[in-house]
N, C-alpha and C. Protein backbone atom coordinates (compact mmCIF):
# COMPACT_ATOMS: atom_id res chain seq x y z
N UNK A 1 59.05 -27.53 -18.73
CA UNK A 1 58.35 -28.73 -19.13
C UNK A 1 58.50 -28.91 -20.64
N UNK A 2 58.81 -30.10 -21.03
CA UNK A 2 58.96 -30.49 -22.42
C UNK A 2 57.65 -30.26 -23.18
N UNK A 3 57.73 -29.80 -24.42
CA UNK A 3 56.53 -29.51 -25.22
C UNK A 3 55.71 -30.77 -25.50
N UNK A 4 56.39 -31.89 -25.75
CA UNK A 4 55.68 -33.15 -25.97
C UNK A 4 54.88 -33.53 -24.74
N UNK A 5 55.51 -33.38 -23.60
CA UNK A 5 54.86 -33.68 -22.33
C UNK A 5 53.66 -32.75 -22.11
N UNK A 6 53.84 -31.47 -22.33
CA UNK A 6 52.78 -30.50 -22.14
C UNK A 6 51.60 -30.77 -23.07
N UNK A 7 51.88 -31.04 -24.32
CA UNK A 7 50.82 -31.33 -25.29
C UNK A 7 50.04 -32.58 -24.88
N UNK A 8 50.76 -33.60 -24.42
CA UNK A 8 50.10 -34.84 -24.01
C UNK A 8 49.21 -34.60 -22.79
N UNK A 9 49.68 -33.82 -21.84
CA UNK A 9 48.90 -33.54 -20.63
C UNK A 9 47.63 -32.77 -21.00
N UNK A 10 47.78 -31.73 -21.79
CA UNK A 10 46.62 -30.91 -22.19
C UNK A 10 45.62 -31.76 -22.97
N UNK A 11 46.12 -32.60 -23.87
CA UNK A 11 45.23 -33.47 -24.65
C UNK A 11 44.48 -34.45 -23.75
N UNK A 12 45.18 -35.04 -22.79
CA UNK A 12 44.53 -35.98 -21.86
C UNK A 12 43.48 -35.27 -21.02
N UNK A 13 43.79 -34.08 -20.57
CA UNK A 13 42.84 -33.33 -19.76
C UNK A 13 41.63 -32.90 -20.57
N UNK A 14 41.79 -32.83 -21.89
CA UNK A 14 40.68 -32.50 -22.78
C UNK A 14 39.89 -33.74 -23.19
N UNK A 15 40.28 -34.91 -22.66
CA UNK A 15 39.53 -36.13 -22.94
C UNK A 15 40.16 -37.07 -23.94
N UNK A 16 41.28 -36.68 -24.51
CA UNK A 16 41.96 -37.54 -25.49
C UNK A 16 42.99 -38.40 -24.75
N UNK A 17 42.48 -39.41 -24.05
CA UNK A 17 43.31 -40.24 -23.18
C UNK A 17 44.32 -41.10 -23.95
N UNK A 18 44.13 -41.24 -25.25
CA UNK A 18 45.10 -41.99 -26.06
C UNK A 18 46.47 -41.30 -26.05
N UNK A 19 46.50 -40.01 -25.73
CA UNK A 19 47.76 -39.27 -25.68
C UNK A 19 48.58 -39.56 -24.43
N UNK A 20 47.98 -40.31 -23.50
CA UNK A 20 48.68 -40.66 -22.26
C UNK A 20 49.89 -41.56 -22.56
N UNK A 21 49.86 -42.24 -23.69
CA UNK A 21 50.97 -43.11 -24.09
C UNK A 21 52.29 -42.35 -24.11
N UNK A 22 52.27 -41.12 -24.57
CA UNK A 22 53.51 -40.32 -24.62
C UNK A 22 54.06 -40.09 -23.22
N UNK A 23 53.17 -39.86 -22.26
CA UNK A 23 53.60 -39.65 -20.88
C UNK A 23 54.14 -40.95 -20.29
N UNK A 24 53.49 -42.03 -20.59
CA UNK A 24 53.94 -43.33 -20.12
C UNK A 24 55.35 -43.63 -20.64
N UNK A 25 55.56 -43.39 -21.93
CA UNK A 25 56.86 -43.66 -22.53
C UNK A 25 57.96 -42.78 -21.95
N UNK A 26 57.62 -41.56 -21.56
CA UNK A 26 58.61 -40.66 -20.97
C UNK A 26 59.04 -41.10 -19.57
N UNK A 27 58.12 -41.67 -18.80
CA UNK A 27 58.39 -41.90 -17.39
C UNK A 27 58.35 -43.35 -16.91
N UNK A 28 57.93 -44.27 -17.71
CA UNK A 28 57.74 -45.65 -17.24
C UNK A 28 59.01 -46.24 -16.63
N UNK A 29 60.12 -46.13 -17.31
CA UNK A 29 61.37 -46.73 -16.81
C UNK A 29 61.82 -46.06 -15.52
N UNK A 30 61.73 -44.75 -15.45
CA UNK A 30 62.17 -44.03 -14.25
C UNK A 30 61.30 -44.38 -13.05
N UNK A 31 60.00 -44.45 -13.25
CA UNK A 31 59.09 -44.78 -12.15
C UNK A 31 59.32 -46.23 -11.73
N UNK A 32 59.51 -47.12 -12.69
CA UNK A 32 59.78 -48.53 -12.35
C UNK A 32 61.03 -48.63 -11.48
N UNK A 33 62.09 -47.98 -11.86
CA UNK A 33 63.34 -48.04 -11.08
C UNK A 33 63.15 -47.44 -9.68
N UNK A 34 62.42 -46.35 -9.61
CA UNK A 34 62.13 -45.73 -8.31
C UNK A 34 61.41 -46.72 -7.39
N UNK A 35 60.40 -47.38 -7.93
CA UNK A 35 59.63 -48.34 -7.13
C UNK A 35 60.47 -49.59 -6.84
N UNK A 36 61.22 -50.06 -7.82
CA UNK A 36 62.01 -51.27 -7.62
C UNK A 36 63.00 -51.11 -6.46
N UNK A 37 63.65 -49.99 -6.38
CA UNK A 37 64.65 -49.82 -5.34
C UNK A 37 64.04 -49.50 -3.98
N UNK A 38 62.74 -49.44 -3.94
CA UNK A 38 62.05 -49.36 -2.65
C UNK A 38 61.50 -50.72 -2.24
N UNK A 39 61.28 -51.60 -3.22
CA UNK A 39 60.69 -52.91 -2.91
C UNK A 39 61.67 -54.06 -3.09
N UNK A 40 62.65 -53.90 -3.97
CA UNK A 40 63.63 -54.93 -4.30
C UNK A 40 62.96 -56.21 -4.81
N UNK A 41 61.84 -56.04 -5.50
CA UNK A 41 61.14 -57.20 -6.04
C UNK A 41 60.55 -56.82 -7.39
N UNK A 42 60.98 -57.53 -8.43
CA UNK A 42 60.62 -57.17 -9.80
C UNK A 42 59.11 -57.16 -10.03
N UNK A 43 58.43 -58.22 -9.64
CA UNK A 43 57.00 -58.31 -9.91
C UNK A 43 56.22 -57.24 -9.15
N UNK A 44 56.59 -56.99 -7.91
CA UNK A 44 55.92 -55.96 -7.12
C UNK A 44 56.16 -54.60 -7.76
N UNK A 45 57.38 -54.34 -8.19
CA UNK A 45 57.70 -53.07 -8.84
C UNK A 45 56.90 -52.89 -10.12
N UNK A 46 56.76 -53.96 -10.89
CA UNK A 46 55.96 -53.89 -12.12
C UNK A 46 54.50 -53.57 -11.79
N UNK A 47 53.96 -54.25 -10.78
CA UNK A 47 52.56 -54.02 -10.39
C UNK A 47 52.35 -52.59 -9.90
N UNK A 48 53.26 -52.12 -9.03
CA UNK A 48 53.10 -50.78 -8.49
C UNK A 48 53.33 -49.70 -9.54
N UNK A 49 54.19 -49.97 -10.49
CA UNK A 49 54.40 -49.03 -11.60
C UNK A 49 53.13 -48.94 -12.44
N UNK A 50 52.54 -50.08 -12.74
CA UNK A 50 51.28 -50.09 -13.49
C UNK A 50 50.19 -49.34 -12.73
N UNK A 51 50.11 -49.59 -11.45
CA UNK A 51 49.12 -48.92 -10.62
C UNK A 51 49.35 -47.41 -10.61
N UNK A 52 50.60 -47.00 -10.58
CA UNK A 52 50.93 -45.57 -10.60
C UNK A 52 50.39 -44.91 -11.87
N UNK A 53 50.62 -45.55 -13.00
CA UNK A 53 50.17 -44.96 -14.26
C UNK A 53 48.65 -45.04 -14.41
N UNK A 54 48.05 -46.08 -13.87
CA UNK A 54 46.60 -46.19 -13.90
C UNK A 54 45.97 -45.05 -13.08
N UNK A 55 46.50 -44.82 -11.88
CA UNK A 55 45.99 -43.72 -11.04
C UNK A 55 46.24 -42.37 -11.71
N UNK A 56 47.40 -42.21 -12.33
CA UNK A 56 47.69 -40.95 -13.00
C UNK A 56 46.71 -40.72 -14.15
N UNK A 57 46.41 -41.75 -14.89
CA UNK A 57 45.47 -41.64 -16.00
C UNK A 57 44.07 -41.30 -15.47
N UNK A 58 43.65 -41.98 -14.40
CA UNK A 58 42.33 -41.74 -13.83
C UNK A 58 42.19 -40.32 -13.28
N UNK A 59 43.29 -39.74 -12.81
CA UNK A 59 43.23 -38.43 -12.15
C UNK A 59 43.96 -37.34 -12.93
N UNK A 60 44.18 -37.55 -14.21
CA UNK A 60 44.93 -36.59 -15.02
C UNK A 60 44.26 -35.21 -15.01
N UNK A 61 42.95 -35.18 -14.88
CA UNK A 61 42.26 -33.88 -14.85
C UNK A 61 42.52 -33.13 -13.54
N UNK A 62 42.96 -33.84 -12.50
CA UNK A 62 43.28 -33.20 -11.23
C UNK A 62 44.67 -32.55 -11.23
N UNK A 63 45.51 -32.94 -12.18
CA UNK A 63 46.86 -32.39 -12.24
C UNK A 63 46.79 -30.93 -12.69
N UNK A 64 47.43 -30.05 -11.93
CA UNK A 64 47.45 -28.62 -12.23
C UNK A 64 48.84 -28.26 -12.74
N UNK A 65 48.92 -27.90 -14.00
CA UNK A 65 50.20 -27.58 -14.64
C UNK A 65 50.93 -26.45 -13.91
N UNK A 66 50.20 -25.52 -13.36
CA UNK A 66 50.80 -24.38 -12.69
C UNK A 66 51.36 -24.68 -11.30
N UNK A 67 51.05 -25.85 -10.75
CA UNK A 67 51.47 -26.15 -9.37
C UNK A 67 52.75 -26.96 -9.27
N UNK A 68 53.29 -27.44 -10.37
CA UNK A 68 54.53 -28.20 -10.29
C UNK A 68 54.71 -29.10 -11.49
N UNK A 69 55.84 -29.77 -11.52
CA UNK A 69 56.17 -30.66 -12.63
C UNK A 69 55.29 -31.90 -12.63
N UNK A 70 55.00 -32.39 -13.80
CA UNK A 70 54.25 -33.64 -13.93
C UNK A 70 55.03 -34.78 -13.31
N UNK A 71 56.34 -34.77 -13.50
CA UNK A 71 57.17 -35.85 -12.94
C UNK A 71 57.06 -35.89 -11.42
N UNK A 72 57.03 -34.74 -10.78
CA UNK A 72 56.89 -34.68 -9.32
C UNK A 72 55.56 -35.27 -8.89
N UNK A 73 54.50 -34.94 -9.61
CA UNK A 73 53.17 -35.47 -9.32
C UNK A 73 53.17 -36.98 -9.47
N UNK A 74 53.80 -37.47 -10.52
CA UNK A 74 53.86 -38.91 -10.79
C UNK A 74 54.68 -39.64 -9.72
N UNK A 75 55.80 -39.06 -9.31
CA UNK A 75 56.61 -39.67 -8.25
C UNK A 75 55.85 -39.70 -6.92
N UNK A 76 55.06 -38.68 -6.64
CA UNK A 76 54.25 -38.69 -5.42
C UNK A 76 53.25 -39.83 -5.44
N UNK A 77 52.63 -40.05 -6.59
CA UNK A 77 51.69 -41.17 -6.72
C UNK A 77 52.43 -42.48 -6.49
N UNK A 78 53.59 -42.64 -7.11
CA UNK A 78 54.38 -43.87 -6.95
C UNK A 78 54.78 -44.07 -5.49
N UNK A 79 55.24 -43.01 -4.86
CA UNK A 79 55.64 -43.09 -3.45
C UNK A 79 54.46 -43.53 -2.58
N UNK A 80 53.31 -42.94 -2.81
CA UNK A 80 52.12 -43.31 -2.04
C UNK A 80 51.73 -44.77 -2.28
N UNK A 81 51.90 -45.26 -3.50
CA UNK A 81 51.61 -46.66 -3.79
C UNK A 81 52.55 -47.58 -3.02
N UNK A 82 53.81 -47.21 -2.93
CA UNK A 82 54.78 -48.02 -2.19
C UNK A 82 54.41 -48.03 -0.70
N UNK A 83 54.07 -46.87 -0.17
CA UNK A 83 53.67 -46.79 1.24
C UNK A 83 52.45 -47.68 1.49
N UNK A 84 51.46 -47.58 0.61
CA UNK A 84 50.26 -48.42 0.75
C UNK A 84 50.60 -49.90 0.66
N UNK A 85 51.51 -50.24 -0.24
CA UNK A 85 51.92 -51.63 -0.39
C UNK A 85 52.50 -52.18 0.91
N UNK A 86 53.40 -51.43 1.52
CA UNK A 86 54.03 -51.90 2.75
C UNK A 86 53.05 -51.92 3.92
N UNK A 87 52.06 -51.06 3.89
CA UNK A 87 51.04 -51.08 4.94
C UNK A 87 50.18 -52.33 4.87
N UNK A 88 49.90 -52.79 3.67
CA UNK A 88 48.94 -53.88 3.50
C UNK A 88 49.55 -55.21 3.14
N UNK A 89 50.80 -55.24 2.71
CA UNK A 89 51.41 -56.48 2.21
C UNK A 89 51.73 -57.44 3.34
N UNK A 90 51.47 -58.68 3.08
CA UNK A 90 51.92 -59.75 3.97
C UNK A 90 53.19 -60.29 3.31
N UNK A 91 54.32 -59.81 3.78
CA UNK A 91 55.57 -60.16 3.13
C UNK A 91 55.99 -61.58 3.49
N UNK A 92 56.16 -62.38 2.47
CA UNK A 92 56.62 -63.75 2.63
C UNK A 92 57.77 -63.96 1.65
N UNK A 93 58.70 -64.78 2.03
CA UNK A 93 59.85 -65.04 1.18
C UNK A 93 59.56 -66.27 0.33
N UNK A 94 59.74 -66.13 -0.96
CA UNK A 94 59.57 -67.24 -1.88
C UNK A 94 60.92 -67.95 -2.00
N UNK A 95 60.94 -69.23 -1.74
CA UNK A 95 62.18 -70.01 -1.76
C UNK A 95 62.87 -69.91 -3.12
N UNK A 96 62.09 -69.77 -4.19
CA UNK A 96 62.69 -69.67 -5.51
C UNK A 96 63.46 -68.37 -5.69
N UNK A 97 63.06 -67.31 -4.97
CA UNK A 97 63.78 -66.04 -5.05
C UNK A 97 65.15 -66.14 -4.39
N UNK A 98 65.26 -67.00 -3.39
CA UNK A 98 66.51 -67.13 -2.65
C UNK A 98 67.44 -68.13 -3.31
N UNK A 99 66.91 -69.30 -3.63
CA UNK A 99 67.72 -70.36 -4.20
C UNK A 99 67.15 -70.77 -5.55
N UNK A 100 67.71 -70.24 -6.59
CA UNK A 100 67.27 -70.63 -7.92
C UNK A 100 68.18 -71.77 -8.36
N UNK A 101 67.84 -72.96 -7.91
CA UNK A 101 68.70 -74.11 -8.15
C UNK A 101 68.78 -74.49 -9.63
N UNK A 102 67.80 -74.07 -10.40
CA UNK A 102 67.80 -74.42 -11.81
C UNK A 102 68.73 -73.53 -12.62
N UNK A 103 69.14 -72.41 -12.05
CA UNK A 103 69.98 -71.48 -12.79
C UNK A 103 71.36 -72.08 -13.03
N UNK A 104 71.90 -71.84 -14.21
CA UNK A 104 73.22 -72.36 -14.57
C UNK A 104 74.21 -71.22 -14.57
N UNK A 105 74.39 -70.60 -13.40
CA UNK A 105 75.34 -69.51 -13.27
C UNK A 105 76.50 -69.96 -12.39
N UNK A 106 77.58 -69.25 -12.51
CA UNK A 106 78.74 -69.52 -11.69
C UNK A 106 78.40 -69.18 -10.24
N UNK A 107 78.32 -70.18 -9.39
CA UNK A 107 77.89 -70.01 -8.01
C UNK A 107 78.83 -69.08 -7.24
N UNK A 108 80.14 -69.18 -7.49
CA UNK A 108 81.10 -68.34 -6.78
C UNK A 108 80.88 -66.87 -7.11
N UNK A 109 80.76 -66.55 -8.39
CA UNK A 109 80.55 -65.17 -8.81
C UNK A 109 79.23 -64.64 -8.27
N UNK A 110 78.20 -65.46 -8.36
CA UNK A 110 76.88 -65.05 -7.87
C UNK A 110 76.94 -64.78 -6.37
N UNK A 111 77.67 -65.60 -5.64
CA UNK A 111 77.79 -65.41 -4.20
C UNK A 111 78.51 -64.12 -3.88
N UNK A 112 79.59 -63.82 -4.59
CA UNK A 112 80.32 -62.58 -4.37
C UNK A 112 79.44 -61.36 -4.62
N UNK A 113 78.71 -61.39 -5.72
CA UNK A 113 77.83 -60.28 -6.05
C UNK A 113 76.74 -60.14 -5.00
N UNK A 114 76.16 -61.27 -4.58
CA UNK A 114 75.10 -61.22 -3.57
C UNK A 114 75.62 -60.68 -2.24
N UNK A 115 76.84 -61.04 -1.87
CA UNK A 115 77.42 -60.51 -0.63
C UNK A 115 77.63 -59.00 -0.72
N UNK A 116 78.13 -58.55 -1.87
CA UNK A 116 78.31 -57.12 -2.05
C UNK A 116 76.97 -56.40 -2.05
N UNK A 117 75.96 -56.98 -2.69
CA UNK A 117 74.63 -56.38 -2.69
C UNK A 117 74.04 -56.34 -1.29
N UNK A 118 74.30 -57.36 -0.50
CA UNK A 118 73.83 -57.36 0.88
C UNK A 118 74.47 -56.22 1.67
N UNK A 119 75.76 -55.97 1.39
CA UNK A 119 76.45 -54.87 2.05
C UNK A 119 75.83 -53.54 1.63
N UNK A 120 75.50 -53.42 0.34
CA UNK A 120 74.84 -52.22 -0.17
C UNK A 120 73.48 -52.04 0.49
N UNK A 121 72.68 -53.10 0.53
CA UNK A 121 71.36 -53.02 1.15
C UNK A 121 71.47 -52.64 2.63
N UNK A 122 72.46 -53.22 3.30
CA UNK A 122 72.66 -52.92 4.72
C UNK A 122 72.97 -51.43 4.90
N UNK A 123 73.86 -50.90 4.06
CA UNK A 123 74.18 -49.48 4.15
C UNK A 123 72.94 -48.64 3.87
N UNK A 124 72.24 -48.95 2.78
CA UNK A 124 71.06 -48.17 2.43
C UNK A 124 69.99 -48.28 3.53
N UNK A 125 69.91 -49.45 4.15
CA UNK A 125 68.96 -49.63 5.25
C UNK A 125 69.33 -48.83 6.49
N UNK A 126 70.61 -48.50 6.62
CA UNK A 126 71.05 -47.72 7.79
C UNK A 126 70.72 -46.23 7.63
N UNK A 127 70.43 -45.82 6.42
CA UNK A 127 70.09 -44.41 6.18
C UNK A 127 68.64 -44.16 6.56
N UNK A 128 68.33 -42.94 6.87
CA UNK A 128 66.92 -42.60 7.10
C UNK A 128 66.19 -42.76 5.77
N UNK A 129 64.90 -43.00 5.83
CA UNK A 129 64.15 -43.18 4.59
C UNK A 129 64.21 -41.92 3.73
N UNK A 130 64.25 -40.76 4.36
CA UNK A 130 64.34 -39.51 3.60
C UNK A 130 65.66 -39.41 2.84
N UNK A 131 66.76 -39.77 3.50
CA UNK A 131 68.07 -39.70 2.85
C UNK A 131 68.16 -40.75 1.75
N UNK A 132 67.67 -41.94 2.02
CA UNK A 132 67.67 -43.01 1.01
C UNK A 132 66.86 -42.58 -0.21
N UNK A 133 65.68 -42.01 -0.01
CA UNK A 133 64.86 -41.53 -1.12
C UNK A 133 65.58 -40.42 -1.89
N UNK A 134 66.23 -39.53 -1.15
CA UNK A 134 66.97 -38.44 -1.79
C UNK A 134 68.06 -39.00 -2.71
N UNK A 135 68.84 -39.97 -2.22
CA UNK A 135 69.91 -40.55 -3.05
C UNK A 135 69.34 -41.25 -4.27
N UNK A 136 68.27 -42.00 -4.09
CA UNK A 136 67.65 -42.67 -5.24
C UNK A 136 67.20 -41.66 -6.28
N UNK A 137 66.49 -40.64 -5.84
CA UNK A 137 65.95 -39.67 -6.80
C UNK A 137 67.06 -38.85 -7.47
N UNK A 138 68.07 -38.47 -6.70
CA UNK A 138 69.12 -37.62 -7.25
C UNK A 138 70.10 -38.40 -8.13
N UNK A 139 70.65 -39.49 -7.60
CA UNK A 139 71.70 -40.20 -8.31
C UNK A 139 71.19 -41.17 -9.36
N UNK A 140 70.16 -41.91 -9.04
CA UNK A 140 69.76 -42.98 -9.93
C UNK A 140 68.56 -42.65 -10.78
N UNK A 141 67.78 -41.68 -10.35
CA UNK A 141 66.67 -41.24 -11.18
C UNK A 141 67.03 -39.99 -11.97
N UNK A 142 68.11 -39.32 -11.58
CA UNK A 142 68.57 -38.15 -12.32
C UNK A 142 67.70 -36.92 -12.13
N UNK A 143 66.96 -36.86 -11.02
CA UNK A 143 66.11 -35.69 -10.78
C UNK A 143 66.96 -34.53 -10.26
N UNK A 144 66.53 -33.34 -10.58
CA UNK A 144 67.23 -32.14 -10.08
C UNK A 144 66.81 -31.92 -8.63
N UNK A 145 67.59 -31.10 -7.92
CA UNK A 145 67.22 -30.78 -6.55
C UNK A 145 65.88 -30.04 -6.51
N UNK A 146 65.61 -29.25 -7.53
CA UNK A 146 64.33 -28.54 -7.59
C UNK A 146 63.17 -29.53 -7.69
N UNK A 147 63.30 -30.55 -8.55
CA UNK A 147 62.24 -31.56 -8.68
C UNK A 147 62.06 -32.34 -7.36
N UNK A 148 63.18 -32.67 -6.73
CA UNK A 148 63.11 -33.41 -5.47
C UNK A 148 62.45 -32.53 -4.40
N UNK A 149 62.75 -31.25 -4.41
CA UNK A 149 62.13 -30.33 -3.46
C UNK A 149 60.62 -30.29 -3.65
N UNK A 150 60.17 -30.31 -4.89
CA UNK A 150 58.73 -30.32 -5.16
C UNK A 150 58.08 -31.60 -4.65
N UNK A 151 58.78 -32.73 -4.81
CA UNK A 151 58.24 -34.02 -4.38
C UNK A 151 58.19 -34.11 -2.86
N UNK A 152 59.27 -33.68 -2.21
CA UNK A 152 59.40 -33.88 -0.76
C UNK A 152 58.91 -32.71 0.08
N UNK A 153 58.82 -31.53 -0.51
CA UNK A 153 58.43 -30.35 0.25
C UNK A 153 59.57 -29.75 1.06
N UNK A 154 60.80 -30.17 0.80
CA UNK A 154 61.97 -29.64 1.51
C UNK A 154 62.68 -28.61 0.63
N UNK A 155 63.51 -27.79 1.24
CA UNK A 155 64.23 -26.78 0.47
C UNK A 155 65.38 -27.44 -0.29
N UNK A 156 65.76 -26.80 -1.39
CA UNK A 156 66.88 -27.31 -2.19
C UNK A 156 68.17 -27.33 -1.37
N UNK A 157 68.39 -26.30 -0.56
CA UNK A 157 69.61 -26.23 0.26
C UNK A 157 69.70 -27.39 1.24
N UNK A 158 68.59 -27.71 1.89
CA UNK A 158 68.58 -28.83 2.84
C UNK A 158 68.83 -30.15 2.13
N UNK A 159 68.28 -30.29 0.94
CA UNK A 159 68.48 -31.51 0.16
C UNK A 159 69.94 -31.66 -0.26
N UNK A 160 70.55 -30.57 -0.69
CA UNK A 160 71.96 -30.62 -1.10
C UNK A 160 72.86 -30.99 0.07
N UNK A 161 72.56 -30.44 1.24
CA UNK A 161 73.34 -30.74 2.43
C UNK A 161 73.20 -32.23 2.81
N UNK A 162 72.00 -32.73 2.80
CA UNK A 162 71.77 -34.14 3.14
C UNK A 162 72.47 -35.07 2.15
N UNK A 163 72.38 -34.74 0.87
CA UNK A 163 73.03 -35.57 -0.15
C UNK A 163 74.54 -35.56 0.03
N UNK A 164 75.10 -34.40 0.30
CA UNK A 164 76.54 -34.28 0.49
C UNK A 164 77.01 -35.14 1.66
N UNK A 165 76.30 -35.07 2.78
CA UNK A 165 76.66 -35.87 3.96
C UNK A 165 76.56 -37.36 3.68
N UNK A 166 75.49 -37.77 3.03
CA UNK A 166 75.30 -39.20 2.74
C UNK A 166 76.38 -39.72 1.80
N UNK A 167 76.73 -38.95 0.80
CA UNK A 167 77.77 -39.38 -0.14
C UNK A 167 79.14 -39.43 0.52
N UNK A 168 79.40 -38.51 1.42
CA UNK A 168 80.68 -38.53 2.15
C UNK A 168 80.76 -39.80 3.00
N UNK A 169 79.69 -40.14 3.69
CA UNK A 169 79.66 -41.37 4.49
C UNK A 169 79.84 -42.59 3.60
N UNK A 170 79.23 -42.55 2.45
CA UNK A 170 79.32 -43.67 1.51
C UNK A 170 80.76 -43.87 1.06
N UNK A 171 81.42 -42.79 0.68
CA UNK A 171 82.81 -42.88 0.22
C UNK A 171 83.74 -43.34 1.34
N UNK A 172 83.50 -42.86 2.55
CA UNK A 172 84.37 -43.20 3.68
C UNK A 172 84.15 -44.63 4.17
N UNK A 173 82.95 -45.14 4.01
CA UNK A 173 82.61 -46.41 4.64
C UNK A 173 82.70 -47.64 3.77
N UNK A 174 82.94 -47.51 2.49
CA UNK A 174 82.91 -48.67 1.62
C UNK A 174 84.13 -48.76 0.73
N UNK A 175 84.39 -49.98 0.35
CA UNK A 175 85.47 -50.21 -0.61
C UNK A 175 85.04 -49.65 -1.96
N UNK A 176 86.00 -49.45 -2.82
CA UNK A 176 85.71 -48.92 -4.15
C UNK A 176 84.78 -49.85 -4.93
N UNK A 177 84.92 -51.16 -4.73
CA UNK A 177 84.09 -52.13 -5.45
C UNK A 177 82.63 -51.98 -5.06
N UNK A 178 82.37 -51.88 -3.76
CA UNK A 178 80.99 -51.74 -3.29
C UNK A 178 80.43 -50.39 -3.72
N UNK A 179 81.26 -49.35 -3.66
CA UNK A 179 80.81 -48.02 -4.09
C UNK A 179 80.39 -48.07 -5.56
N UNK A 180 81.19 -48.73 -6.41
CA UNK A 180 80.82 -48.86 -7.83
C UNK A 180 79.56 -49.68 -8.01
N UNK A 181 79.39 -50.72 -7.21
CA UNK A 181 78.16 -51.51 -7.27
C UNK A 181 76.96 -50.63 -6.98
N UNK A 182 77.06 -49.80 -5.96
CA UNK A 182 75.96 -48.92 -5.60
C UNK A 182 75.69 -47.97 -6.75
N UNK A 183 76.73 -47.39 -7.30
CA UNK A 183 76.57 -46.41 -8.37
C UNK A 183 76.01 -47.01 -9.64
N UNK A 184 76.36 -48.26 -9.95
CA UNK A 184 75.96 -48.86 -11.21
C UNK A 184 74.70 -49.70 -11.14
N UNK A 185 74.43 -50.31 -10.04
CA UNK A 185 73.28 -51.21 -9.96
C UNK A 185 72.02 -50.52 -9.50
N UNK A 186 72.17 -49.45 -8.79
CA UNK A 186 70.98 -48.84 -8.22
C UNK A 186 70.57 -47.71 -9.05
């Protein structure tokens, strides 16, 4: 654990909640991306990221430094927020999200990118939620297998095997362009 992170946690647990800013700055972008790629909606991801940090701040005294990484604890809170969101959300499609007629972008390029993204979403949707979460955390969040094991409760060996299989399927099933889209956009 980073010394800055440790100092901020200890200070927060001692009642100096102003030190939580350091923790927020360390993890805000990573948690946002984690949530975004589970919801695919910017505003929802922003709300759930805020809720994650609010809950973490409210329960910082419950975090036990000896039981695991702070990042794992934070990702668990974010994951639970996403699960709660999908349980309670009445999902409706906003026409402006689909057709932004006011945008002055090249329609052909936008269509090509959207088609490739749809292919990516379709592939990711075909994976089990556990495998999809594993790929997000490992490739796009940059978490180690040890951190992912703490979050998921699975062994590092099982996680490595699952990741290897999913990546092999990804390479075999997609064109290089779509593979790069997945690697760079997600």
